[in-house]
Amino acid sequence: MSRRPAPLPAPQPIPENYKVEPPLPKPLLLFITNVKNAKTVWVEISINDNVAMLKQYVSRKMEMLPVGDMILVYQGEELKNDMMIRHSKLDFVIQKAAVGEPSAEDCTIHLIDIKDTPPEVREPKPLPPEPMAVTA
């Protein structure tokens, strides 16, 4: 003779002044491709993280490339470290992911090693001083 499991209790009403938070957004799947050797890795990241965190994740998967030497480019625009993913140009992918599945091309970020860039890109020349206005 098998025992039947006890029935579940009936759902209870939510108490007054109790706030149910909406679920966190699902992670964003991105592909990062090194433009020098075409090595590609995938990374899942929260849209609430910043680009510096994305670089940390990429650094774990791409050995021998320090975070400080990475330049990430998406659709021709450099992703700055302090910028949140949802406020960057990646919002295009976020919008596509909300309505369906974005293509791999939409989710691809290009990685450039700063050592592979010309010196003037690495160390921009300082701006010349502005001429002083002469008053008579």
N, C-alpha and C. Protein backbone atom coordinates (compact mmCIF):
# COMPACT_ATOMS: atom_id res chain seq x y z
N MET A 1 0.84 -1.16 0.00
CA MET A 1 0.00 0.00 0.00
C MET A 1 0.90 1.25 0.00
N SER A 2 0.71 2.13 -0.97
CA SER A 2 1.55 3.33 -1.07
C SER A 2 0.84 4.50 -0.42
N ARG A 3 1.62 5.35 0.15
CA ARG A 3 1.06 6.53 0.82
C ARG A 3 0.96 7.66 -0.17
N ARG A 4 -0.12 8.33 -0.09
CA ARG A 4 -0.29 9.52 -0.93
C ARG A 4 0.38 10.70 -0.24
N PRO A 5 1.03 11.56 -1.03
CA PRO A 5 1.64 12.72 -0.40
C PRO A 5 0.55 13.66 0.13
N ALA A 6 0.90 14.36 1.18
CA ALA A 6 -0.05 15.31 1.77
C ALA A 6 -0.34 16.41 0.76
N PRO A 7 -1.58 16.86 0.68
CA PRO A 7 -1.89 17.95 -0.27
C PRO A 7 -1.21 19.25 0.15
N LEU A 8 -0.90 20.03 -0.85
CA LEU A 8 -0.28 21.33 -0.58
C LEU A 8 -1.31 22.27 0.03
N PRO A 9 -0.86 23.19 0.89
CA PRO A 9 -1.82 24.14 1.47
C PRO A 9 -2.31 25.10 0.38
N ALA A 10 -3.48 25.62 0.59
CA ALA A 10 -4.05 26.57 -0.37
C ALA A 10 -3.20 27.83 -0.38
N PRO A 11 -3.08 28.49 -1.55
CA PRO A 11 -2.30 29.74 -1.61
C PRO A 11 -2.89 30.77 -0.65
N GLN A 12 -2.01 31.47 -0.01
CA GLN A 12 -2.43 32.49 0.95
C GLN A 12 -2.37 33.86 0.30
N PRO A 13 -3.23 34.79 0.72
CA PRO A 13 -3.14 36.15 0.16
C PRO A 13 -1.85 36.82 0.61
N ILE A 14 -1.38 37.73 -0.22
CA ILE A 14 -0.17 38.49 0.11
C ILE A 14 -0.53 39.51 1.18
N PRO A 15 0.24 39.54 2.27
CA PRO A 15 -0.06 40.50 3.34
C PRO A 15 0.01 41.94 2.84
N GLU A 16 -0.74 42.80 3.49
CA GLU A 16 -0.74 44.21 3.14
C GLU A 16 0.65 44.79 3.34
N ASN A 17 0.99 45.79 2.55
CA ASN A 17 2.28 46.47 2.61
C ASN A 17 3.46 45.55 2.29
N TYR A 18 3.20 44.44 1.66
CA TYR A 18 4.27 43.53 1.26
C TYR A 18 4.51 43.75 -0.23
N LYS A 19 5.75 44.06 -0.57
CA LYS A 19 6.07 44.37 -1.96
C LYS A 19 6.79 43.19 -2.59
N VAL A 20 6.30 42.74 -3.73
CA VAL A 20 6.95 41.66 -4.48
C VAL A 20 7.77 42.32 -5.58
N GLU A 21 9.07 42.10 -5.52
CA GLU A 21 9.98 42.69 -6.50
C GLU A 21 9.90 41.92 -7.82
N PRO A 22 10.01 42.63 -8.94
CA PRO A 22 10.03 41.92 -10.22
C PRO A 22 11.31 41.11 -10.35
N PRO A 23 11.31 40.07 -11.17
CA PRO A 23 12.52 39.26 -11.30
C PRO A 23 13.65 40.05 -11.96
N LEU A 24 14.87 39.66 -11.66
CA LEU A 24 16.02 40.30 -12.27
C LEU A 24 16.02 39.99 -13.77
N PRO A 25 16.58 40.89 -14.59
CA PRO A 25 16.63 40.61 -16.03
C PRO A 25 17.52 39.40 -16.30
N LYS A 26 17.18 38.65 -17.33
CA LYS A 26 18.00 37.48 -17.64
C LYS A 26 19.36 37.94 -18.16
N PRO A 27 20.39 37.10 -17.99
CA PRO A 27 21.72 37.52 -18.42
C PRO A 27 21.78 37.70 -19.94
N LEU A 28 22.69 38.54 -20.36
CA LEU A 28 22.88 38.83 -21.77
C LEU A 28 24.05 37.97 -22.26
N LEU A 29 23.84 37.24 -23.34
CA LEU A 29 24.88 36.40 -23.92
C LEU A 29 25.61 37.21 -24.99
N LEU A 30 26.93 37.36 -24.80
CA LEU A 30 27.75 38.13 -25.74
C LEU A 30 28.90 37.28 -26.23
N PHE A 31 29.34 37.55 -27.45
CA PHE A 31 30.51 36.89 -28.02
C PHE A 31 31.59 37.96 -28.18
N ILE A 32 32.78 37.66 -27.67
CA ILE A 32 33.88 38.61 -27.76
C ILE A 32 34.94 37.98 -28.67
N THR A 33 35.28 38.69 -29.74
CA THR A 33 36.23 38.18 -30.73
C THR A 33 37.48 39.04 -30.75
N ASN A 34 38.64 38.40 -30.57
CA ASN A 34 39.91 39.09 -30.66
C ASN A 34 40.18 39.35 -32.14
N VAL A 35 40.34 40.61 -32.52
CA VAL A 35 40.49 40.94 -33.94
C VAL A 35 41.83 40.50 -34.50
N LYS A 36 42.81 40.25 -33.65
CA LYS A 36 44.14 39.84 -34.14
C LYS A 36 44.17 38.36 -34.51
N ASN A 37 43.61 37.50 -33.65
CA ASN A 37 43.72 36.06 -33.91
C ASN A 37 42.37 35.38 -34.10
N ALA A 38 41.28 36.14 -34.07
CA ALA A 38 39.91 35.64 -34.28
C ALA A 38 39.44 34.67 -33.20
N LYS A 39 40.16 34.57 -32.09
CA LYS A 39 39.69 33.73 -30.99
C LYS A 39 38.43 34.37 -30.42
N THR A 40 37.41 33.55 -30.24
CA THR A 40 36.12 34.05 -29.75
C THR A 40 35.73 33.30 -28.48
N VAL A 41 35.25 34.04 -27.50
CA VAL A 41 34.73 33.44 -26.26
C VAL A 41 33.32 33.98 -26.05
N TRP A 42 32.54 33.26 -25.28
CA TRP A 42 31.19 33.73 -24.93
C TRP A 42 31.18 34.11 -23.46
N VAL A 43 30.36 35.10 -23.15
CA VAL A 43 30.24 35.60 -21.78
C VAL A 43 28.77 35.91 -21.52
N GLU A 44 28.29 35.50 -20.36
CA GLU A 44 26.96 35.92 -19.91
C GLU A 44 27.17 36.99 -18.85
N ILE A 45 26.44 38.09 -18.98
CA ILE A 45 26.62 39.21 -18.05
C ILE A 45 25.27 39.87 -17.79
N SER A 46 25.13 40.41 -16.61
CA SER A 46 23.93 41.15 -16.27
C SER A 46 23.98 42.52 -16.95
N ILE A 47 22.83 43.00 -17.37
CA ILE A 47 22.78 44.33 -17.98
C ILE A 47 23.04 45.42 -16.95
N ASN A 48 23.03 45.05 -15.67
CA ASN A 48 23.30 46.01 -14.59
C ASN A 48 24.78 46.11 -14.26
N ASP A 49 25.62 45.25 -14.86
CA ASP A 49 27.07 45.32 -14.65
C ASP A 49 27.67 46.38 -15.56
N ASN A 50 28.90 46.75 -15.28
CA ASN A 50 29.57 47.72 -16.14
C ASN A 50 30.56 47.03 -17.07
N VAL A 51 31.15 47.79 -17.97
CA VAL A 51 32.06 47.24 -18.98
C VAL A 51 33.32 46.69 -18.31
N ALA A 52 33.77 47.30 -17.21
CA ALA A 52 34.94 46.79 -16.50
C ALA A 52 34.71 45.35 -16.04
N MET A 53 33.49 45.04 -15.59
CA MET A 53 33.16 43.67 -15.18
C MET A 53 33.18 42.74 -16.39
N LEU A 54 32.68 43.21 -17.52
CA LEU A 54 32.72 42.42 -18.75
C LEU A 54 34.17 42.08 -19.11
N LYS A 55 35.06 43.05 -18.97
CA LYS A 55 36.47 42.80 -19.26
C LYS A 55 37.06 41.77 -18.30
N GLN A 56 36.62 41.79 -17.04
CA GLN A 56 37.09 40.78 -16.07
C GLN A 56 36.68 39.37 -16.53
N TYR A 57 35.42 39.23 -16.95
CA TYR A 57 34.93 37.94 -17.43
C TYR A 57 35.71 37.48 -18.66
N VAL A 58 35.97 38.40 -19.58
CA VAL A 58 36.71 38.06 -20.80
C VAL A 58 38.13 37.65 -20.44
N SER A 59 38.75 38.36 -19.51
CA SER A 59 40.11 38.07 -19.10
C SER A 59 40.23 36.65 -18.53
N ARG A 60 39.22 36.19 -17.85
CA ARG A 60 39.23 34.82 -17.30
C ARG A 60 39.25 33.78 -18.41
N LYS A 61 38.58 34.09 -19.51
CA LYS A 61 38.48 33.12 -20.61
C LYS A 61 39.59 33.25 -21.64
N MET A 62 40.13 34.45 -21.79
CA MET A 62 41.22 34.67 -22.74
C MET A 62 42.50 34.86 -21.93
N GLU A 63 43.23 33.78 -21.74
CA GLU A 63 44.45 33.85 -20.95
C GLU A 63 45.44 34.79 -21.63
N MET A 64 46.35 35.31 -20.83
CA MET A 64 47.45 36.12 -21.31
C MET A 64 47.04 37.52 -21.80
N LEU A 65 45.85 37.96 -21.52
CA LEU A 65 45.45 39.30 -21.92
C LEU A 65 44.91 40.05 -20.70
N PRO A 66 45.72 40.96 -20.14
CA PRO A 66 45.29 41.70 -18.96
C PRO A 66 44.13 42.65 -19.28
N VAL A 67 43.31 42.87 -18.27
CA VAL A 67 42.15 43.75 -18.42
C VAL A 67 42.57 45.15 -18.88
N GLY A 68 43.66 45.66 -18.36
CA GLY A 68 44.12 47.00 -18.70
C GLY A 68 44.53 47.16 -20.16
N ASP A 69 44.80 46.05 -20.83
CA ASP A 69 45.22 46.11 -22.24
C ASP A 69 44.06 45.91 -23.21
N MET A 70 42.85 45.74 -22.70
CA MET A 70 41.69 45.46 -23.56
C MET A 70 40.99 46.73 -24.00
N ILE A 71 40.65 46.75 -25.27
CA ILE A 71 39.74 47.76 -25.80
C ILE A 71 38.59 46.97 -26.41
N LEU A 72 37.38 47.21 -25.93
CA LEU A 72 36.19 46.53 -26.47
C LEU A 72 35.43 47.50 -27.36
N VAL A 73 35.11 47.03 -28.56
CA VAL A 73 34.44 47.88 -29.55
C VAL A 73 33.17 47.18 -30.00
N TYR A 74 32.05 47.92 -29.94
CA TYR A 74 30.77 47.40 -30.41
C TYR A 74 30.18 48.39 -31.40
N GLN A 75 29.90 47.91 -32.60
CA GLN A 75 29.35 48.73 -33.67
C GLN A 75 30.16 50.02 -33.86
N GLY A 76 31.49 49.88 -33.85
CA GLY A 76 32.37 51.01 -34.12
C GLY A 76 32.59 51.96 -32.96
N GLU A 77 32.04 51.66 -31.80
CA GLU A 77 32.17 52.56 -30.65
C GLU A 77 32.85 51.83 -29.50
N GLU A 78 33.87 52.47 -28.90
CA GLU A 78 34.55 51.87 -27.76
C GLU A 78 33.64 51.85 -26.55
N LEU A 79 33.62 50.72 -25.86
CA LEU A 79 32.84 50.59 -24.63
C LEU A 79 33.73 51.01 -23.46
N LYS A 80 33.37 52.07 -22.78
CA LYS A 80 34.16 52.63 -21.68
C LYS A 80 33.93 51.84 -20.40
N ASN A 81 34.97 51.69 -19.59
CA ASN A 81 34.93 50.86 -18.38
C ASN A 81 33.81 51.20 -17.42
N ASP A 82 33.56 52.48 -17.18
CA ASP A 82 32.60 52.86 -16.15
C ASP A 82 31.16 52.85 -16.64
N MET A 83 30.94 52.56 -17.91
CA MET A 83 29.59 52.58 -18.46
C MET A 83 28.86 51.26 -18.15
N MET A 84 27.62 51.38 -17.72
CA MET A 84 26.81 50.18 -17.47
C MET A 84 26.39 49.59 -18.81
N ILE A 85 26.27 48.28 -18.84
CA ILE A 85 25.92 47.58 -20.08
C ILE A 85 24.61 48.12 -20.64
N ARG A 86 23.62 48.32 -19.79
CA ARG A 86 22.30 48.75 -20.29
C ARG A 86 22.31 50.18 -20.82
N HIS A 87 23.31 50.99 -20.44
CA HIS A 87 23.39 52.37 -20.91
C HIS A 87 24.39 52.54 -22.05
N SER A 88 24.99 51.44 -22.48
CA SER A 88 25.96 51.51 -23.56
C SER A 88 25.25 51.25 -24.89
N LYS A 89 26.04 51.18 -25.94
CA LYS A 89 25.48 50.90 -27.25
C LYS A 89 24.90 49.48 -27.32
N LEU A 90 25.21 48.66 -26.32
CA LEU A 90 24.67 47.30 -26.26
C LEU A 90 23.17 47.28 -25.99
N ASP A 91 22.58 48.44 -25.72
CA ASP A 91 21.13 48.47 -25.51
C ASP A 91 20.39 47.95 -26.75
N PHE A 92 21.03 48.02 -27.92
CA PHE A 92 20.47 47.47 -29.16
C PHE A 92 20.24 45.97 -29.00
N VAL A 93 21.22 45.25 -28.45
CA VAL A 93 21.10 43.80 -28.23
C VAL A 93 20.07 43.51 -27.15
N ILE A 94 20.05 44.33 -26.12
CA ILE A 94 19.10 44.14 -25.02
C ILE A 94 17.67 44.24 -25.55
N GLN A 95 17.42 45.23 -26.40
CA GLN A 95 16.08 45.39 -26.98
C GLN A 95 15.72 44.21 -27.86
N LYS A 96 16.68 43.72 -28.65
CA LYS A 96 16.41 42.57 -29.51
C LYS A 96 16.15 41.31 -28.68
N ALA A 97 16.89 41.15 -27.58
CA ALA A 97 16.72 39.98 -26.73
C ALA A 97 15.37 40.00 -26.02
N ALA A 98 14.83 41.19 -25.78
CA ALA A 98 13.53 41.30 -25.10
C ALA A 98 12.39 40.77 -25.96
N VAL A 99 12.54 40.87 -27.28
CA VAL A 99 11.46 40.43 -28.18
C VAL A 99 11.75 39.12 -28.88
N GLY A 100 12.96 38.64 -28.78
CA GLY A 100 13.31 37.38 -29.45
C GLY A 100 14.76 37.05 -29.21
N GLU A 101 15.31 36.33 -30.15
CA GLU A 101 16.68 35.89 -30.05
C GLU A 101 17.55 36.73 -30.98
N PRO A 102 18.47 37.55 -30.44
CA PRO A 102 19.33 38.33 -31.32
C PRO A 102 20.32 37.41 -32.05
N SER A 103 20.78 37.83 -33.21
CA SER A 103 21.72 37.01 -33.98
C SER A 103 23.11 37.07 -33.33
N ALA A 104 23.95 36.12 -33.69
CA ALA A 104 25.32 36.10 -33.17
C ALA A 104 26.06 37.36 -33.60
N GLU A 105 25.76 37.86 -34.79
CA GLU A 105 26.40 39.09 -35.27
C GLU A 105 26.02 40.27 -34.38
N ASP A 106 24.75 40.32 -33.96
CA ASP A 106 24.30 41.41 -33.09
C ASP A 106 24.99 41.35 -31.73
N CYS A 107 25.38 40.16 -31.29
CA CYS A 107 25.93 39.96 -29.96
C CYS A 107 27.45 39.93 -29.94
N THR A 108 28.09 40.25 -31.06
CA THR A 108 29.55 40.17 -31.14
C THR A 108 30.22 41.51 -30.83
N ILE A 109 31.17 41.45 -29.91
CA ILE A 109 31.99 42.60 -29.54
C ILE A 109 33.41 42.31 -30.00
N HIS A 110 34.07 43.31 -30.53
CA HIS A 110 35.44 43.14 -31.00
C HIS A 110 36.42 43.57 -29.92
N LEU A 111 37.43 42.73 -29.70
CA LEU A 111 38.44 43.01 -28.69
C LEU A 111 39.75 43.37 -29.39
N ILE A 112 40.33 44.47 -28.98
CA ILE A 112 41.62 44.90 -29.51
C ILE A 112 42.59 44.99 -28.34
N ASP A 113 43.77 44.41 -28.53
CA ASP A 113 44.83 44.54 -27.53
C ASP A 113 45.48 45.90 -27.75
N ILE A 114 45.57 46.68 -26.70
CA ILE A 114 46.10 48.04 -26.85
C ILE A 114 47.53 48.03 -27.39
N LYS A 115 48.27 46.93 -27.17
CA LYS A 115 49.63 46.84 -27.70
C LYS A 115 49.64 46.72 -29.22
N ASP A 116 48.51 46.36 -29.81
CA ASP A 116 48.42 46.23 -31.27
C ASP A 116 47.95 47.52 -31.93
N THR A 117 47.84 48.59 -31.18
CA THR A 117 47.38 49.86 -31.74
C THR A 117 48.58 50.78 -31.96
N PRO A 118 48.46 51.73 -32.88
CA PRO A 118 49.56 52.69 -33.08
C PRO A 118 49.80 53.51 -31.82
N PRO A 119 51.05 53.95 -31.62
CA PRO A 119 51.37 54.72 -30.40
C PRO A 119 50.50 55.95 -30.20
N GLU A 120 50.11 56.63 -31.28
CA GLU A 120 49.29 57.84 -31.12
C GLU A 120 47.89 57.52 -30.61
N VAL A 121 47.44 56.28 -30.79
CA VAL A 121 46.14 55.88 -30.23
C VAL A 121 46.30 55.57 -28.75
N ARG A 122 47.41 54.91 -28.42
CA ARG A 122 47.68 54.56 -27.02
C ARG A 122 47.93 55.80 -26.17
N GLU A 123 48.73 56.70 -26.69
CA GLU A 123 49.11 57.89 -25.95
C GLU A 123 48.83 59.11 -26.82
N PRO A 124 47.60 59.59 -26.80
CA PRO A 124 47.28 60.75 -27.64
C PRO A 124 48.12 61.95 -27.26
N LYS A 125 48.45 62.73 -28.28
CA LYS A 125 49.26 63.93 -28.05
C LYS A 125 48.43 64.92 -27.23
N PRO A 126 49.09 65.62 -26.29
CA PRO A 126 48.34 66.61 -25.51
C PRO A 126 47.90 67.77 -26.41
N LEU A 127 46.78 68.34 -26.08
CA LEU A 127 46.27 69.49 -26.83
C LEU A 127 47.18 70.68 -26.59
N PRO A 128 47.41 71.49 -27.64
CA PRO A 128 48.24 72.69 -27.43
C PRO A 128 47.51 73.65 -26.51
N PRO A 129 48.26 74.44 -25.75
CA PRO A 129 47.60 75.39 -24.85
C PRO A 129 46.85 76.45 -25.66
N GLU A 130 45.74 76.88 -25.10
CA GLU A 130 44.95 77.91 -25.78
C GLU A 130 45.65 79.24 -25.65
N PRO A 131 45.64 80.04 -26.75
CA PRO A 131 46.30 81.35 -26.68
C PRO A 131 45.58 82.25 -25.69
N MET A 132 46.35 83.02 -25.00
CA MET A 132 45.78 83.96 -24.01
C MET A 132 45.19 85.14 -24.76
N ALA A 133 44.05 85.59 -24.34
CA ALA A 133 43.42 86.76 -24.95
C ALA A 133 44.12 88.02 -24.46
N VAL A 134 44.46 88.88 -25.39
CA VAL A 134 45.15 90.11 -25.04
C VAL A 134 44.10 91.22 -24.95
N THR A 135 44.05 91.89 -23.83
CA THR A 135 43.12 93.00 -23.66
C THR A 135 43.91 94.29 -23.56
N ALA A 136 43.40 95.32 -24.18
CA ALA A 136 44.10 96.60 -24.18
C ALA A 136 43.48 97.57 -23.22
